[in-house]
């Protein structure tokens, strides 16, 4: 996961999107963690691209269905990943079959 964060940060800076590096690194961590925890594929896919000044992050995990934004109790140790994605990304969603989750930063 650290390698994906590093690669993402490097490309974002190269593309002139350095202002969103910290947020993108956190979003990458959350989406990849969800794919590792809940995915059904042997491998996960990761994609990062930019278009018209926006960074797009996409992770595929083979699991159909849309991740849920949960609101865990203060004492719960997990369950905040998609809450963080929902709060920090300018937009997010899934592919039609649910196997890819993406988010966008402007």
Protein backbone atom coordinates (compact mmCIF):
# COMPACT_ATOMS: atom_id res chain seq x y z
CA UNK A 1 0.00 0.00 0.00
CA UNK A 2 2.86 2.38 0.78
CA UNK A 3 4.19 1.84 -2.72
CA UNK A 4 0.84 2.80 -4.29
CA UNK A 5 0.68 5.94 -2.15
CA UNK A 6 4.22 6.86 -3.17
CA UNK A 7 3.57 6.22 -6.87
CA UNK A 8 0.35 8.21 -6.66
CA UNK A 9 2.07 11.16 -4.99
CA UNK A 10 4.87 11.12 -7.54
CA UNK A 11 2.48 11.19 -10.49
CA UNK A 12 0.24 13.85 -8.98
CA UNK A 13 3.22 16.15 -8.44
CA UNK A 14 4.44 15.46 -11.97
CA UNK A 15 1.00 16.38 -13.33
CA UNK A 16 0.95 19.65 -11.37
CA UNK A 17 -1.62 18.39 -8.85
CA UNK A 18 0.65 18.55 -5.80
CA UNK A 19 -1.97 20.36 -3.73
CA UNK A 20 -4.07 17.20 -3.49
CA UNK A 21 -1.25 14.73 -2.69
CA UNK A 22 -2.01 14.25 1.03
CA UNK A 23 -5.72 13.77 0.43
CA UNK A 24 -5.05 11.42 -2.49
CA UNK A 25 -2.67 9.31 -0.38
CA UNK A 26 -5.35 8.88 2.28
CA UNK A 27 -7.99 8.02 -0.32
CA UNK A 28 -5.66 5.49 -1.94
CA UNK A 29 -5.09 3.88 1.46
CA UNK A 30 -8.79 3.65 2.22
CA UNK A 31 -9.83 2.26 -1.17
CA UNK A 32 -7.00 -0.27 -1.29
CA UNK A 33 -7.65 -1.37 2.31
CA UNK A 34 -11.31 -1.98 1.46
CA UNK A 35 -10.29 -3.97 -1.63
CA UNK A 36 -7.92 -6.12 0.40
CA UNK A 37 -10.44 -6.68 3.20
CA UNK A 38 -13.61 -7.22 1.21
CA UNK A 39 -12.51 -8.01 -2.33
CA UNK A 40 -13.18 -11.34 -3.97
CA UNK A 41 -10.49 -11.33 -6.67
CA UNK A 42 -7.10 -12.99 -6.39
CA UNK A 43 -5.55 -9.66 -7.33
CA UNK A 44 -6.67 -6.07 -7.05
CA UNK A 45 -6.34 -3.44 -9.71
CA UNK A 46 -5.26 0.15 -9.16
CA UNK A 47 -5.55 3.06 -11.53
CA UNK A 48 -4.68 6.74 -11.18
CA UNK A 49 -5.14 9.25 -13.97
CA UNK A 50 -5.82 12.92 -14.42
CA UNK A 51 -8.23 14.66 -16.71
CA UNK A 52 -9.00 18.37 -16.92
CA UNK A 53 -7.28 19.15 -13.61
CA UNK A 54 -8.96 16.30 -11.73
CA UNK A 55 -7.30 13.27 -10.20
CA UNK A 56 -9.19 9.99 -10.57
CA UNK A 57 -8.37 7.03 -8.34
CA UNK A 58 -9.87 3.62 -9.07
CA UNK A 59 -9.48 0.27 -7.32
CA UNK A 60 -10.96 -2.99 -8.59
CA UNK A 61 -11.48 -5.92 -6.24
CA UNK A 62 -13.85 -8.32 -7.98
CA UNK A 63 -16.56 -7.92 -5.32
CA UNK A 64 -19.93 -6.90 -6.74
CA UNK A 65 -21.91 -4.30 -4.85
CA UNK A 66 -21.46 -0.77 -3.64
CA UNK A 67 -19.40 -0.09 -0.50
CA UNK A 68 -21.46 1.45 2.27
CA UNK A 69 -20.71 4.62 4.17
CA UNK A 70 -20.99 3.58 7.80
CA UNK A 71 -21.16 5.70 10.93
CA UNK A 72 -19.45 3.53 13.54
CA UNK A 73 -19.69 4.23 17.24
CA UNK A 74 -16.75 6.15 18.77
CA UNK A 75 -15.28 2.98 20.32
CA UNK A 76 -15.32 0.89 17.14
CA UNK A 77 -11.89 0.28 15.68
CA UNK A 78 -12.92 0.00 12.03
CA UNK A 79 -15.67 0.95 9.61
CA UNK A 80 -14.65 4.49 8.73
CA UNK A 81 -13.02 3.92 5.34
CA UNK A 82 -15.88 4.93 3.08
CA UNK A 83 -16.92 7.66 5.51
CA UNK A 84 -13.47 9.18 4.95
CA UNK A 85 -13.74 8.72 1.18
CA UNK A 86 -17.19 10.33 1.20
CA UNK A 87 -15.93 13.28 3.24
CA UNK A 88 -12.70 13.95 1.31
CA UNK A 89 -13.41 13.07 -2.31
CA UNK A 90 -15.24 15.52 -4.54
CA UNK A 91 -17.16 12.57 -5.93
CA UNK A 92 -17.04 8.77 -5.67
CA UNK A 93 -18.92 5.75 -6.89
CA UNK A 94 -18.67 2.27 -8.31
CA UNK A 95 -18.72 0.69 -11.71
CA UNK A 96 -22.06 -0.67 -12.88
CA UNK A 97 -21.17 -4.20 -11.76
CA UNK A 98 -19.76 -2.92 -8.45
CA UNK A 99 -16.32 -4.47 -8.88
CA UNK A 100 -14.50 -1.11 -9.15
CA UNK A 101 -14.69 1.75 -6.69
CA UNK A 102 -13.47 5.17 -7.78
CA UNK A 103 -13.12 8.65 -6.41
CA UNK A 104 -12.27 12.04 -7.84
CA UNK A 105 -10.37 15.07 -6.53
CA UNK A 106 -10.65 18.44 -8.23
